[in-house]
Protein backbone atom coordinates (compact mmCIF):
# COMPACT_ATOMS: atom_id res chain seq x y z
CA MET A 1 -0.35 0.16 -0.18
CA LEU A 2 1.34 3.59 -0.79
CA VAL A 3 -0.65 4.79 2.30
CA THR A 4 -0.43 3.32 5.29
CA LEU A 5 -3.12 3.05 8.04
CA ASP A 6 -1.09 5.44 10.45
CA GLU A 7 -0.41 8.08 7.71
CA MET A 8 -4.60 8.15 6.87
CA LYS A 9 -5.57 7.81 10.38
CA SER A 10 -3.57 10.99 10.75
CA TYR A 11 -4.67 13.00 8.11
CA LEU A 12 -8.13 12.14 8.82
CA ARG A 13 -7.81 12.98 12.28
CA VAL A 14 -8.98 9.53 13.87
CA ASP A 15 -7.41 8.60 17.08
CA VAL A 16 -9.52 5.46 18.25
CA ASP A 17 -8.55 2.41 16.69
CA GLU A 18 -12.48 1.22 16.13
CA ASP A 19 -12.47 1.99 12.12
CA ASP A 20 -8.99 0.46 11.49
CA ALA A 21 -10.52 -2.37 9.70
CA LEU A 22 -13.15 -0.09 7.59
CA ILE A 23 -9.85 2.29 6.54
CA THR A 24 -7.42 -0.32 5.52
CA GLN A 25 -9.95 -1.62 3.38
CA MET A 26 -10.93 1.81 2.13
CA ILE A 27 -7.05 2.70 1.25
CA ILE A 28 -6.97 -0.41 -0.81
CA ALA A 29 -10.17 0.37 -2.53
CA ALA A 30 -8.95 3.88 -2.92
CA GLU A 31 -5.46 2.75 -4.03
CA ASP A 32 -7.11 0.33 -7.16
CA ARG A 33 -9.46 2.95 -8.10
CA CYS A 34 -6.77 5.50 -8.79
CA ARG A 35 -4.16 3.10 -10.41
CA GLY A 36 -7.29 2.22 -12.67
CA ILE A 37 -7.89 5.66 -13.35
CA ALA A 38 -3.70 6.55 -13.83
CA ARG A 39 -2.98 3.15 -15.78
CA ASN A 40 0.68 3.77 -15.33
CA GLU A 41 3.32 1.42 -14.75
CA ASP A 42 5.23 4.61 -12.67
CA PHE A 43 2.16 4.77 -9.87
CA ASP A 44 4.10 3.51 -7.10
CA THR A 45 6.57 6.27 -7.43
CA ASP A 46 4.23 9.43 -8.12
CA PRO A 47 3.84 11.81 -5.55
CA THR A 48 0.11 12.58 -6.95
CA ALA A 49 -0.63 9.23 -6.59
CA ARG A 50 -0.33 9.62 -2.99
CA ILE A 51 -2.30 12.54 -2.71
CA ALA A 52 -5.01 10.72 -5.17
CA ILE A 53 -5.11 8.33 -2.86
CA MET A 54 -5.40 9.79 0.54
CA TYR A 55 -8.09 12.58 -1.04
CA ALA A 56 -10.26 9.06 -2.11
CA VAL A 57 -9.77 7.65 1.07
CA ALA A 58 -11.03 10.77 3.06
CA TYR A 59 -13.93 11.22 0.56
CA LEU A 60 -15.27 7.71 1.27
CA TYR A 61 -14.88 7.67 4.81
CA GLU A 62 -16.72 11.13 5.42
CA ASN A 63 -19.19 10.22 3.10
CA ARG A 64 -19.86 6.74 4.03
CA GLU A 65 -23.40 6.81 3.53
CA GLU A 66 -23.91 9.15 0.49
CA ALA A 67 -20.81 9.13 -1.43
CA ASP A 68 -21.33 9.99 -5.05
CA ASN A 69 -18.89 7.88 -7.05
CA THR A 70 -19.48 9.91 -10.48
CA ALA A 71 -18.18 12.70 -8.66
CA LEU A 72 -14.99 11.31 -7.13
CA ASN A 73 -14.15 9.44 -9.90
CA LEU A 74 -13.98 12.71 -12.26
CA THR A 75 -12.10 14.49 -9.43
CA LEU A 76 -9.27 11.45 -9.02
CA ARG A 77 -9.47 12.11 -13.10
CA SER A 78 -8.52 15.43 -12.93
CA MET A 79 -5.89 14.45 -10.46
CA LEU A 80 -4.04 11.95 -12.12
CA PHE A 81 -5.32 12.87 -16.30
CA LYS A 82 -1.90 14.58 -16.43
CA ARG A 83 -0.02 11.31 -15.54
CA ARG A 84 -2.41 9.31 -17.37
CA LYS A 85 -1.09 6.76 -19.89
CA PRO A 86 -3.42 6.21 -23.02
CA ILE A 87 -2.71 2.25 -22.47
CA PHE A 88 -1.67 0.47 -20.00
């Protein structure tokens, strides 16, 4: 994972351990989503990738019940577009 649980909890300002499993699953899902959008072999070394993952996790965590996946995908595409490869 490009973003650790501790980094993400700090970013979210979460001090309790109750949501650790949820946040970990969100990190995995966000990384997969961002990797799919970027379609870039250099994804793991791209600093924008970490920011996009953290943004996605924060969005999903804060909007657990009403997340707008279309809006999230559009934002992530905007963040990662410059690094996006035409084919994977």
